[in-house]
């Protein structure tokens, strides 16, 4: 009897109890067991799960970014609840664009909203990845990715010193919007020490409207461009390079010194907070500063 009791104690110690808090935009949610089948309706979350080596079983139609082994269960804005239910997910992730459908998809299975608030998307994205690493037993992978990102951040931050004013601009056909400190790219100021031109709170995902005259008057030293048309595949809108091909832009310090940088717009505008997307954006900024920063 004693041997049986001792064996039971040893067995219980070998099997970890699973009660993990997941930090969500709606408060902490306790998950009682590791999810085996998951659905994700956010490109940034899908990006991070993939980077961790976690299989995504169901996702929205994201055209060329749709994972070949994942079931398609609607779009970012309109989930297909019937298709979703057929997958029988243990857990559903929503974020940013899909967060509005939280109540709908939560009728199918437990759902968590992992939307980031843009106060510092870099730090929040890493914290989210580490939390997901704990949830799926990928702590080592999360730590390795964190160390890799921090090394890239430190290298880029060293290059960013004394680089002057940076205009982060969203180009949407003929319309221009400035991205400030609370925007999807606002993390570059606290993370890299780059000085964003606009300190005003960004009112919405598309930024605050500006004119070509605004750009000329403020004379940025660098311009980081996010081409929304390219991000969403809008063929009917002029590309950002053509829109910005004007003396009002070319005569700025950024224009005269070839410091207009066209970042991969999907990484900034679509895959918000995705770990691979962040790494690629950091790499693009680092390479631009190396090549054109005069250091």
C-alpha atoms as a PDB file:
ATOM      1  CA  UNK A   1       0.000   0.000   0.000  1.00  0.00           C
ATOM      2  CA  UNK A   2       2.828   2.336   0.928  1.00  0.00           C
ATOM      3  CA  UNK A   3       4.586   1.523  -2.345  1.00  0.00           C
ATOM      4  CA  UNK A   4       1.416   2.334  -4.301  1.00  0.00           C
ATOM      5  CA  UNK A   5       1.002   5.641  -2.481  1.00  0.00           C
ATOM      6  CA  UNK A   6       4.633   6.546  -3.078  1.00  0.00           C
ATOM      7  CA  UNK A   7       4.304   5.680  -6.760  1.00  0.00           C
ATOM      8  CA  UNK A   8       1.216   7.866  -7.015  1.00  0.00           C
ATOM      9  CA  UNK A   9       3.058  10.797  -5.439  1.00  0.00           C
ATOM     10  CA  UNK A  10       5.992  10.394  -7.841  1.00  0.00           C
ATOM     11  CA  UNK A  11       3.627  10.169 -10.827  1.00  0.00           C
ATOM     12  CA  UNK A  12       1.717  13.264  -9.737  1.00  0.00           C
ATOM     13  CA  UNK A  13       4.966  15.197  -9.369  1.00  0.00           C
ATOM     14  CA  UNK A  14       6.038  14.172 -12.866  1.00  0.00           C
ATOM     15  CA  UNK A  15       2.838  15.482 -14.455  1.00  0.00           C
ATOM     16  CA  UNK A  16       2.717  19.284 -14.130  1.00  0.00           C
ATOM     17  CA  UNK A  17      -0.594  20.841 -13.219  1.00  0.00           C
ATOM     18  CA  UNK A  18      -1.738  23.125 -16.050  1.00  0.00           C
ATOM     19  CA  UNK A  19      -3.432  26.321 -14.980  1.00  0.00           C
ATOM     20  CA  UNK A  20      -1.879  29.153 -16.938  1.00  0.00           C
ATOM     21  CA  UNK A  21      -3.071  32.763 -17.018  1.00  0.00           C
ATOM     22  CA  UNK A  22      -3.109  34.203 -20.532  1.00  0.00           C
ATOM     23  CA  UNK A  23      -2.808  37.991 -20.546  1.00  0.00           C
ATOM     24  CA  UNK A  24      -5.459  39.384 -22.871  1.00  0.00           C
ATOM     25  CA  UNK A  25      -6.844  42.772 -23.871  1.00  0.00           C
ATOM     26  CA  UNK A  26      -9.899  41.933 -21.731  1.00  0.00           C
ATOM     27  CA  UNK A  27      -8.037  40.808 -18.623  1.00  0.00           C
ATOM     28  CA  UNK A  28      -6.296  37.601 -17.605  1.00  0.00           C
ATOM     29  CA  UNK A  29      -7.924  34.335 -18.665  1.00  0.00           C
ATOM     30  CA  UNK A  30      -6.926  31.047 -17.046  1.00  0.00           C
ATOM     31  CA  UNK A  31      -6.415  28.140 -19.439  1.00  0.00           C
ATOM     32  CA  UNK A  32      -6.789  24.789 -17.694  1.00  0.00           C
ATOM     33  CA  UNK A  33      -5.070  22.608 -20.304  1.00  0.00           C
ATOM     34  CA  UNK A  34      -2.773  23.036 -23.273  1.00  0.00           C
ATOM     35  CA  UNK A  35      -4.849  23.614 -26.436  1.00  0.00           C
ATOM     36  CA  UNK A  36      -4.324  20.970 -29.095  1.00  0.00           C
ATOM     37  CA  UNK A  37      -6.452  22.433 -31.899  1.00  0.00           C
ATOM     38  CA  UNK A  38      -6.282  26.193 -32.373  1.00  0.00           C
ATOM     39  CA  UNK A  39      -7.810  28.807 -34.633  1.00  0.00           C
ATOM     40  CA  UNK A  40      -6.323  32.288 -35.021  1.00  0.00           C
ATOM     41  CA  UNK A  41      -7.935  35.307 -36.677  1.00  0.00           C
ATOM     42  CA  UNK A  42      -5.032  37.744 -36.453  1.00  0.00           C
ATOM     43  CA  UNK A  43      -1.968  37.896 -38.754  1.00  0.00           C
ATOM     44  CA  UNK A  44       0.355  39.063 -35.964  1.00  0.00           C
ATOM     45  CA  UNK A  45      -0.683  36.217 -33.680  1.00  0.00           C
ATOM     46  CA  UNK A  46      -0.370  33.696 -36.522  1.00  0.00           C
ATOM     47  CA  UNK A  47       3.093  35.096 -37.290  1.00  0.00           C
ATOM     48  CA  UNK A  48       4.194  34.633 -33.675  1.00  0.00           C
ATOM     49  CA  UNK A  49       2.694  31.152 -33.281  1.00  0.00           C
ATOM     50  CA  UNK A  50       4.435  30.059 -36.486  1.00  0.00           C
ATOM     51  CA  UNK A  51       7.748  31.509 -35.271  1.00  0.00           C
ATOM     52  CA  UNK A  52       7.368  29.464 -32.078  1.00  0.00           C
ATOM     53  CA  UNK A  53       6.674  26.293 -34.042  1.00  0.00           C
ATOM     54  CA  UNK A  54       3.026  26.052 -32.979  1.00  0.00           C
ATOM     55  CA  UNK A  55       0.666  24.613 -35.581  1.00  0.00           C
ATOM     56  CA  UNK A  56      -2.270  26.840 -36.535  1.00  0.00           C
ATOM     57  CA  UNK A  57      -5.165  24.574 -37.505  1.00  0.00           C
ATOM     58  CA  UNK A  58      -7.606  27.215 -38.751  1.00  0.00           C
ATOM     59  CA  UNK A  59      -7.240  30.802 -39.942  1.00  0.00           C
ATOM     60  CA  UNK A  60      -8.934  33.397 -42.150  1.00  0.00           C
ATOM     61  CA  UNK A  61      -8.294  33.657 -45.874  1.00  0.00           C
ATOM     62  CA  UNK A  62      -5.142  35.796 -46.121  1.00  0.00           C
ATOM     63  CA  UNK A  63      -4.416  35.129 -49.798  1.00  0.00           C
ATOM     64  CA  UNK A  64      -0.700  34.414 -50.254  1.00  0.00           C
ATOM     65  CA  UNK A  65      -0.140  34.480 -46.485  1.00  0.00           C
ATOM     66  CA  UNK A  66      -2.606  31.658 -45.800  1.00  0.00           C
ATOM     67  CA  UNK A  67      -0.815  28.643 -44.316  1.00  0.00           C
ATOM     68  CA  UNK A  68      -1.207  25.677 -46.646  1.00  0.00           C
ATOM     69  CA  UNK A  69      -2.043  23.171 -43.881  1.00  0.00           C
ATOM     70  CA  UNK A  70      -4.598  25.401 -42.138  1.00  0.00           C
ATOM     71  CA  UNK A  71      -8.343  25.253 -42.732  1.00  0.00           C
ATOM     72  CA  UNK A  72      -9.824  28.500 -44.050  1.00  0.00           C
ATOM     73  CA  UNK A  73     -12.572  29.726 -41.721  1.00  0.00           C
ATOM     74  CA  UNK A  74     -13.779  33.027 -43.172  1.00  0.00           C
ATOM     75  CA  UNK A  75     -11.945  36.351 -43.319  1.00  0.00           C
ATOM     76  CA  UNK A  76     -10.384  38.705 -40.783  1.00  0.00           C
ATOM     77  CA  UNK A  77     -13.620  40.669 -40.667  1.00  0.00           C
ATOM     78  CA  UNK A  78     -16.193  37.911 -41.228  1.00  0.00           C
ATOM     79  CA  UNK A  79     -15.537  34.526 -39.606  1.00  0.00           C
ATOM     80  CA  UNK A  80     -17.265  31.502 -41.100  1.00  0.00           C
ATOM     81  CA  UNK A  81     -18.768  30.074 -37.918  1.00  0.00           C
ATOM     82  CA  UNK A  82     -19.896  26.845 -39.543  1.00  0.00           C
ATOM     83  CA  UNK A  83     -16.426  26.122 -40.933  1.00  0.00           C
ATOM     84  CA  UNK A  84     -14.901  27.146 -37.614  1.00  0.00           C
ATOM     85  CA  UNK A  85     -17.144  24.785 -35.661  1.00  0.00           C
ATOM     86  CA  UNK A  86     -16.194  21.932 -37.994  1.00  0.00           C
ATOM     87  CA  UNK A  87     -12.547  22.325 -36.952  1.00  0.00           C
ATOM     88  CA  UNK A  88     -13.534  21.858 -33.274  1.00  0.00           C
ATOM     89  CA  UNK A  89     -10.912  24.240 -31.877  1.00  0.00           C
ATOM     90  CA  UNK A  90      -9.891  24.079 -28.234  1.00  0.00           C
ATOM     91  CA  UNK A  91      -8.986  27.778 -28.298  1.00  0.00           C
ATOM     92  CA  UNK A  92      -9.556  30.711 -30.660  1.00  0.00           C
ATOM     93  CA  UNK A  93      -7.327  33.785 -30.898  1.00  0.00           C
ATOM     94  CA  UNK A  94      -8.557  37.180 -32.102  1.00  0.00           C
ATOM     95  CA  UNK A  95      -6.801  40.535 -32.264  1.00  0.00           C
ATOM     96  CA  UNK A  96      -6.926  44.023 -33.825  1.00  0.00           C
ATOM     97  CA  UNK A  97      -9.296  43.723 -36.820  1.00  0.00           C
ATOM     98  CA  UNK A  98     -10.957  40.483 -35.717  1.00  0.00           C
ATOM     99  CA  UNK A  99     -11.468  41.574 -32.091  1.00  0.00           C
ATOM    100  CA  UNK A 100     -14.900  42.950 -33.009  1.00  0.00           C
ATOM    101  CA  UNK A 101     -16.015  39.379 -33.718  1.00  0.00           C
ATOM    102  CA  UNK A 102     -15.003  38.134 -30.258  1.00  0.00           C
ATOM    103  CA  UNK A 103     -18.582  37.471 -29.139  1.00  0.00           C
ATOM    104  CA  UNK A 104     -19.429  35.621 -32.358  1.00  0.00           C
ATOM    105  CA  UNK A 105     -16.494  33.208 -32.373  1.00  0.00           C
ATOM    106  CA  UNK A 106     -16.606  32.681 -28.608  1.00  0.00           C
ATOM    107  CA  UNK A 107     -19.918  30.879 -29.149  1.00  0.00           C
ATOM    108  CA  UNK A 108     -17.905  28.179 -30.934  1.00  0.00           C
ATOM    109  CA  UNK A 109     -15.041  27.740 -28.443  1.00  0.00           C
ATOM    110  CA  UNK A 110     -13.147  29.601 -25.697  1.00  0.00           C
ATOM    111  CA  UNK A 111     -11.677  32.767 -27.200  1.00  0.00           C
ATOM    112  CA  UNK A 112      -8.932  35.181 -26.138  1.00  0.00           C
ATOM    113  CA  UNK A 113      -8.328  38.693 -27.483  1.00  0.00           C
ATOM    114  CA  UNK A 114      -4.591  39.377 -27.784  1.00  0.00           C
ATOM    115  CA  UNK A 115      -4.841  42.863 -29.301  1.00  0.00           C
ATOM    116  CA  UNK A 116      -1.842  45.089 -28.500  1.00  0.00           C
ATOM    117  CA  UNK A 117      -2.510  48.710 -27.519  1.00  0.00           C
ATOM    118  CA  UNK A 118       0.457  50.257 -29.420  1.00  0.00           C
ATOM    119  CA  UNK A 119       1.955  51.921 -26.330  1.00  0.00           C
ATOM    120  CA  UNK A 120       5.129  49.971 -27.113  1.00  0.00           C
ATOM    121  CA  UNK A 121       4.340  47.233 -29.603  1.00  0.00           C
ATOM    122  CA  UNK A 122       7.887  45.866 -29.417  1.00  0.00           C
ATOM    123  CA  UNK A 123       7.799  45.133 -25.684  1.00  0.00           C
ATOM    124  CA  UNK A 124       4.177  44.002 -25.797  1.00  0.00           C
ATOM    125  CA  UNK A 125       4.821  41.657 -28.722  1.00  0.00           C
ATOM    126  CA  UNK A 126       7.686  39.997 -26.859  1.00  0.00           C
ATOM    127  CA  UNK A 127       5.592  39.655 -23.692  1.00  0.00           C
ATOM    128  CA  UNK A 128       2.779  38.131 -25.768  1.00  0.00           C
ATOM    129  CA  UNK A 129       5.182  35.689 -27.401  1.00  0.00           C
ATOM    130  CA  UNK A 130       6.583  34.612 -24.033  1.00  0.00           C
ATOM    131  CA  UNK A 131       3.060  34.059 -22.702  1.00  0.00           C
ATOM    132  CA  UNK A 132       2.221  31.953 -25.767  1.00  0.00           C
ATOM    133  CA  UNK A 133       5.481  30.078 -25.278  1.00  0.00           C
ATOM    134  CA  UNK A 134       4.347  29.139 -21.773  1.00  0.00           C
ATOM    135  CA  UNK A 135       0.915  28.113 -23.040  1.00  0.00           C
ATOM    136  CA  UNK A 136       2.289  25.774 -25.701  1.00  0.00           C
ATOM    137  CA  UNK A 137       5.434  24.542 -23.943  1.00  0.00           C
ATOM    138  CA  UNK A 138       7.690  26.589 -26.212  1.00  0.00           C
ATOM    139  CA  UNK A 139       9.561  28.542 -23.540  1.00  0.00           C
ATOM    140  CA  UNK A 140      13.000  27.771 -24.987  1.00  0.00           C
ATOM    141  CA  UNK A 141      11.939  28.884 -28.454  1.00  0.00           C
ATOM    142  CA  UNK A 142      10.441  32.079 -27.037  1.00  0.00           C
ATOM    143  CA  UNK A 143      13.624  32.846 -25.098  1.00  0.00           C
ATOM    144  CA  UNK A 144      15.821  32.270 -28.156  1.00  0.00           C
ATOM    145  CA  UNK A 145      13.643  34.578 -30.266  1.00  0.00           C
ATOM    146  CA  UNK A 146      13.661  37.209 -27.520  1.00  0.00           C
ATOM    147  CA  UNK A 147      17.456  37.184 -27.326  1.00  0.00           C
ATOM    148  CA  UNK A 148      17.731  37.407 -31.116  1.00  0.00           C
ATOM    149  CA  UNK A 149      15.363  40.388 -31.249  1.00  0.00           C
ATOM    150  CA  UNK A 150      17.085  42.187 -28.386  1.00  0.00           C
ATOM    151  CA  UNK A 151      20.471  41.796 -30.088  1.00  0.00           C
ATOM    152  CA  UNK A 152      19.047  43.236 -33.304  1.00  0.00           C
ATOM    153  CA  UNK A 153      17.388  46.034 -31.337  1.00  0.00           C
ATOM    154  CA  UNK A 154      20.629  46.949 -29.595  1.00  0.00           C
ATOM    155  CA  UNK A 155      22.550  47.022 -32.874  1.00  0.00           C
ATOM    156  CA  UNK A 156      19.906  49.214 -34.502  1.00  0.00           C
ATOM    157  CA  UNK A 157      19.640  51.519 -31.490  1.00  0.00           C
ATOM    158  CA  UNK A 158      23.383  52.195 -31.597  1.00  0.00           C
ATOM    159  CA  UNK A 159      23.070  53.236 -35.246  1.00  0.00           C
ATOM    160  CA  UNK A 160      20.025  55.418 -34.501  1.00  0.00           C
ATOM    161  CA  UNK A 161      21.838  57.890 -32.253  1.00  0.00           C
ATOM    162  CA  UNK A 162      21.806  61.457 -33.565  1.00  0.00           C
ATOM    163  CA  UNK A 163      19.842  60.649 -36.710  1.00  0.00           C
ATOM    164  CA  UNK A 164      17.429  63.573 -36.340  1.00  0.00           C
ATOM    165  CA  UNK A 165      13.694  63.685 -36.958  1.00  0.00           C
ATOM    166  CA  UNK A 166      11.829  60.731 -38.436  1.00  0.00           C
ATOM    167  CA  UNK A 167       8.523  61.052 -40.271  1.00  0.00           C
ATOM    168  CA  UNK A 168       6.583  57.783 -40.327  1.00  0.00           C
ATOM    169  CA  UNK A 169       3.969  58.216 -43.039  1.00  0.00           C
ATOM    170  CA  UNK A 170       1.162  55.951 -44.207  1.00  0.00           C
ATOM    171  CA  UNK A 171       0.502  56.448 -47.912  1.00  0.00           C
ATOM    172  CA  UNK A 172      -2.973  55.386 -48.996  1.00  0.00           C
ATOM    173  CA  UNK A 173      -3.172  56.309 -52.660  1.00  0.00           C
ATOM    174  CA  UNK A 174      -3.245  60.135 -52.738  1.00  0.00           C
ATOM    175  CA  UNK A 175      -3.881  60.382 -48.980  1.00  0.00           C
ATOM    176  CA  UNK A 176      -1.085  60.839 -46.455  1.00  0.00           C
ATOM    177  CA  UNK A 177      -1.256  60.163 -42.718  1.00  0.00           C
ATOM    178  CA  UNK A 178       1.382  60.563 -40.047  1.00  0.00           C
ATOM    179  CA  UNK A 179       2.057  57.763 -37.600  1.00  0.00           C
ATOM    180  CA  UNK A 180       2.932  59.057 -34.127  1.00  0.00           C
ATOM    181  CA  UNK A 181       4.125  57.553 -30.877  1.00  0.00           C
ATOM    182  CA  UNK A 182       0.891  55.604 -30.250  1.00  0.00           C
ATOM    183  CA  UNK A 183       0.721  54.136 -33.742  1.00  0.00           C
ATOM    184  CA  UNK A 184       1.638  50.737 -35.161  1.00  0.00           C
ATOM    185  CA  UNK A 185       5.202  51.907 -35.697  1.00  0.00           C
ATOM    186  CA  UNK A 186       5.386  54.090 -32.594  1.00  0.00           C
ATOM    187  CA  UNK A 187       7.594  51.476 -30.900  1.00  0.00           C
ATOM    188  CA  UNK A 188      10.637  52.763 -32.800  1.00  0.00           C
ATOM    189  CA  UNK A 189      10.890  55.805 -30.505  1.00  0.00           C
ATOM    190  CA  UNK A 190      11.117  54.115 -27.067  1.00  0.00           C
ATOM    191  CA  UNK A 191      12.811  51.015 -28.465  1.00  0.00           C
ATOM    192  CA  UNK A 192      15.397  52.547 -30.797  1.00  0.00           C
ATOM    193  CA  UNK A 193      15.626  56.137 -29.605  1.00  0.00           C
ATOM    194  CA  UNK A 194      14.571  57.504 -32.990  1.00  0.00           C
ATOM    195  CA  UNK A 195      12.731  60.821 -32.722  1.00  0.00           C
ATOM    196  CA  UNK A 196       9.303  60.596 -34.332  1.00  0.00           C
ATOM    197  CA  UNK A 197       8.176  63.869 -35.825  1.00  0.00           C
ATOM    198  CA  UNK A 198       4.631  63.697 -34.491  1.00  0.00           C
ATOM    199  CA  UNK A 199       3.989  63.552 -30.753  1.00  0.00           C
ATOM    200  CA  UNK A 200       0.215  63.747 -31.114  1.00  0.00           C
ATOM    201  CA  UNK A 201      -1.784  60.644 -30.221  1.00  0.00           C
ATOM    202  CA  UNK A 202      -2.759  58.740 -33.349  1.00  0.00           C
ATOM    203  CA  UNK A 203      -6.538  58.806 -33.486  1.00  0.00           C
ATOM    204  CA  UNK A 204      -7.047  55.620 -35.498  1.00  0.00           C
ATOM    205  CA  UNK A 205      -5.282  52.830 -37.353  1.00  0.00           C
ATOM    206  CA  UNK A 206      -4.813  54.985 -40.431  1.00  0.00           C
ATOM    207  CA  UNK A 207      -2.971  57.750 -38.558  1.00  0.00           C
ATOM    208  CA  UNK A 208      -3.566  61.510 -38.575  1.00  0.00           C
ATOM    209  CA  UNK A 209      -4.017  63.186 -42.002  1.00  0.00           C
ATOM    210  CA  UNK A 210      -1.210  65.442 -43.243  1.00  0.00           C
ATOM    211  CA  UNK A 211      -0.351  67.294 -46.466  1.00  0.00           C
ATOM    212  CA  UNK A 212       2.739  67.509 -48.652  1.00  0.00           C
ATOM    213  CA  UNK A 213       3.184  71.036 -47.313  1.00  0.00           C
ATOM    214  CA  UNK A 214       3.335  69.632 -43.783  1.00  0.00           C
ATOM    215  CA  UNK A 215       6.210  67.389 -44.833  1.00  0.00           C
ATOM    216  CA  UNK A 216       8.067  70.288 -46.457  1.00  0.00           C
ATOM    217  CA  UNK A 217       7.562  72.592 -43.462  1.00  0.00           C
ATOM    218  CA  UNK A 218       8.727  70.021 -40.906  1.00  0.00           C
ATOM    219  CA  UNK A 219      11.672  68.919 -43.063  1.00  0.00           C
ATOM    220  CA  UNK A 220      12.299  65.412 -41.636  1.00  0.00           C
ATOM    221  CA  UNK A 221      15.781  63.896 -41.699  1.00  0.00           C
ATOM    222  CA  UNK A 222      14.320  60.457 -42.396  1.00  0.00           C
ATOM    223  CA  UNK A 223      11.013  59.342 -43.883  1.00  0.00           C
ATOM    224  CA  UNK A 224       9.771  55.823 -43.156  1.00  0.00           C
ATOM    225  CA  UNK A 225       7.026  54.953 -45.632  1.00  0.00           C
ATOM    226  CA  UNK A 226       4.233  52.418 -45.149  1.00  0.00           C
ATOM    227  CA  UNK A 227       2.365  51.854 -48.417  1.00  0.00           C
ATOM    228  CA  UNK A 228      -1.149  50.772 -47.464  1.00  0.00           C
ATOM    229  CA  UNK A 229      -2.120  49.949 -51.051  1.00  0.00           C
ATOM    230  CA  UNK A 230       0.779  47.505 -51.299  1.00  0.00           C
ATOM    231  CA  UNK A 231      -0.069  46.056 -47.877  1.00  0.00           C
ATOM    232  CA  UNK A 232      -3.637  45.204 -48.825  1.00  0.00           C
ATOM    233  CA  UNK A 233      -2.976  44.464 -52.507  1.00  0.00           C
ATOM    234  CA  UNK A 234      -5.018  47.391 -53.856  1.00  0.00           C
ATOM    235  CA  UNK A 235      -4.130  47.516 -57.547  1.00  0.00           C
ATOM    236  CA  UNK A 236      -6.244  50.608 -58.251  1.00  0.00           C
ATOM    237  CA  UNK A 237      -4.167  52.960 -56.069  1.00  0.00           C
ATOM    238  CA  UNK A 238      -0.892  54.597 -57.034  1.00  0.00           C
ATOM    239  CA  UNK A 239       2.200  53.159 -55.340  1.00  0.00           C
ATOM    240  CA  UNK A 240       3.779  55.232 -52.598  1.00  0.00           C
ATOM    241  CA  UNK A 241       6.952  55.900 -54.608  1.00  0.00           C
ATOM    242  CA  UNK A 242       4.917  57.675 -57.283  1.00  0.00           C
ATOM    243  CA  UNK A 243       2.757  59.568 -54.775  1.00  0.00           C
ATOM    244  CA  UNK A 244       5.837  60.920 -52.971  1.00  0.00           C
ATOM    245  CA  UNK A 245       7.644  61.836 -56.195  1.00  0.00           C
ATOM    246  CA  UNK A 246       7.184  65.577 -55.662  1.00  0.00           C
ATOM    247  CA  UNK A 247       9.578  68.477 -54.932  1.00  0.00           C
ATOM    248  CA  UNK A 248       7.864  69.048 -51.577  1.00  0.00           C
ATOM    249  CA  UNK A 249       9.203  65.678 -50.461  1.00  0.00           C
ATOM    250  CA  UNK A 250      12.398  65.452 -52.510  1.00  0.00           C
ATOM    251  CA  UNK A 251      13.673  68.802 -51.186  1.00  0.00           C
ATOM    252  CA  UNK A 252      13.506  67.732 -47.528  1.00  0.00           C
ATOM    253  CA  UNK A 253      16.653  66.608 -45.728  1.00  0.00           C
ATOM    254  CA  UNK A 254      15.390  63.044 -46.112  1.00  0.00           C
ATOM    255  CA  UNK A 255      14.870  63.442 -49.839  1.00  0.00           C
ATOM    256  CA  UNK A 256      18.186  65.173 -50.527  1.00  0.00           C
ATOM    257  CA  UNK A 257      20.155  62.581 -48.537  1.00  0.00           C
ATOM    258  CA  UNK A 258      18.384  59.521 -49.964  1.00  0.00           C
ATOM    259  CA  UNK A 259      16.858  58.708 -46.593  1.00  0.00           C
ATOM    260  CA  UNK A 260      13.346  57.806 -47.693  1.00  0.00           C
ATOM    261  CA  UNK A 261      12.900  54.199 -46.585  1.00  0.00           C
ATOM    262  CA  UNK A 262      10.060  52.053 -47.926  1.00  0.00           C
ATOM    263  CA  UNK A 263       9.420  49.494 -45.214  1.00  0.00           C
ATOM    264  CA  UNK A 264       7.631  46.227 -45.928  1.00  0.00           C
ATOM    265  CA  UNK A 265       4.092  47.496 -45.299  1.00  0.00           C
ATOM    266  CA  UNK A 266       2.562  44.139 -44.401  1.00  0.00           C
ATOM    267  CA  UNK A 267       4.900  43.825 -41.427  1.00  0.00           C
ATOM    268  CA  UNK A 268       3.790  47.201 -40.054  1.00  0.00           C
ATOM    269  CA  UNK A 269       0.175  47.463 -41.171  1.00  0.00           C
ATOM    270  CA  UNK A 270      -1.078  43.865 -41.311  1.00  0.00           C
ATOM    271  CA  UNK A 271       1.002  41.599 -39.056  1.00  0.00           C
ATOM    272  CA  UNK A 272       0.844  43.926 -36.057  1.00  0.00           C
ATOM    273  CA  UNK A 273       3.055  42.614 -33.256  1.00  0.00           C
ATOM    274  CA  UNK A 274       4.136  39.519 -35.150  1.00  0.00           C
ATOM    275  CA  UNK A 275       7.588  38.402 -34.031  1.00  0.00           C
ATOM    276  CA  UNK A 276       8.901  37.639 -37.526  1.00  0.00           C
ATOM    277  CA  UNK A 277       7.367  40.890 -38.773  1.00  0.00           C
ATOM    278  CA  UNK A 278       9.142  42.832 -36.015  1.00  0.00           C
ATOM    279  CA  UNK A 279      12.437  41.152 -36.829  1.00  0.00           C
ATOM    280  CA  UNK A 280      12.093  42.030 -40.507  1.00  0.00           C
ATOM    281  CA  UNK A 281      11.183  45.660 -39.746  1.00  0.00           C
ATOM    282  CA  UNK A 282      14.139  46.009 -37.376  1.00  0.00           C
ATOM    283  CA  UNK A 283      16.424  44.528 -40.025  1.00  0.00           C
ATOM    284  CA  UNK A 284      15.162  46.968 -42.665  1.00  0.00           C
ATOM    285  CA  UNK A 285      15.687  49.947 -40.347  1.00  0.00           C
ATOM    286  CA  UNK A 286      19.132  48.723 -39.291  1.00  0.00           C
ATOM    287  CA  UNK A 287      20.214  48.213 -42.889  1.00  0.00           C
ATOM    288  CA  UNK A 288      18.954  51.673 -43.904  1.00  0.00           C
ATOM    289  CA  UNK A 289      20.779  53.350 -41.017  1.00  0.00           C
ATOM    290  CA  UNK A 290      23.944  51.428 -41.867  1.00  0.00           C
ATOM    291  CA  UNK A 291      23.797  52.342 -45.537  1.00  0.00           C
ATOM    292  CA  UNK A 292      22.620  55.952 -45.334  1.00  0.00           C
ATOM    293  CA  UNK A 293      23.078  57.105 -41.751  1.00  0.00           C
ATOM    294  CA  UNK A 294      26.594  58.400 -42.206  1.00  0.00           C
ATOM    295  CA  UNK A 295      28.041  56.217 -39.450  1.00  0.00           C
END
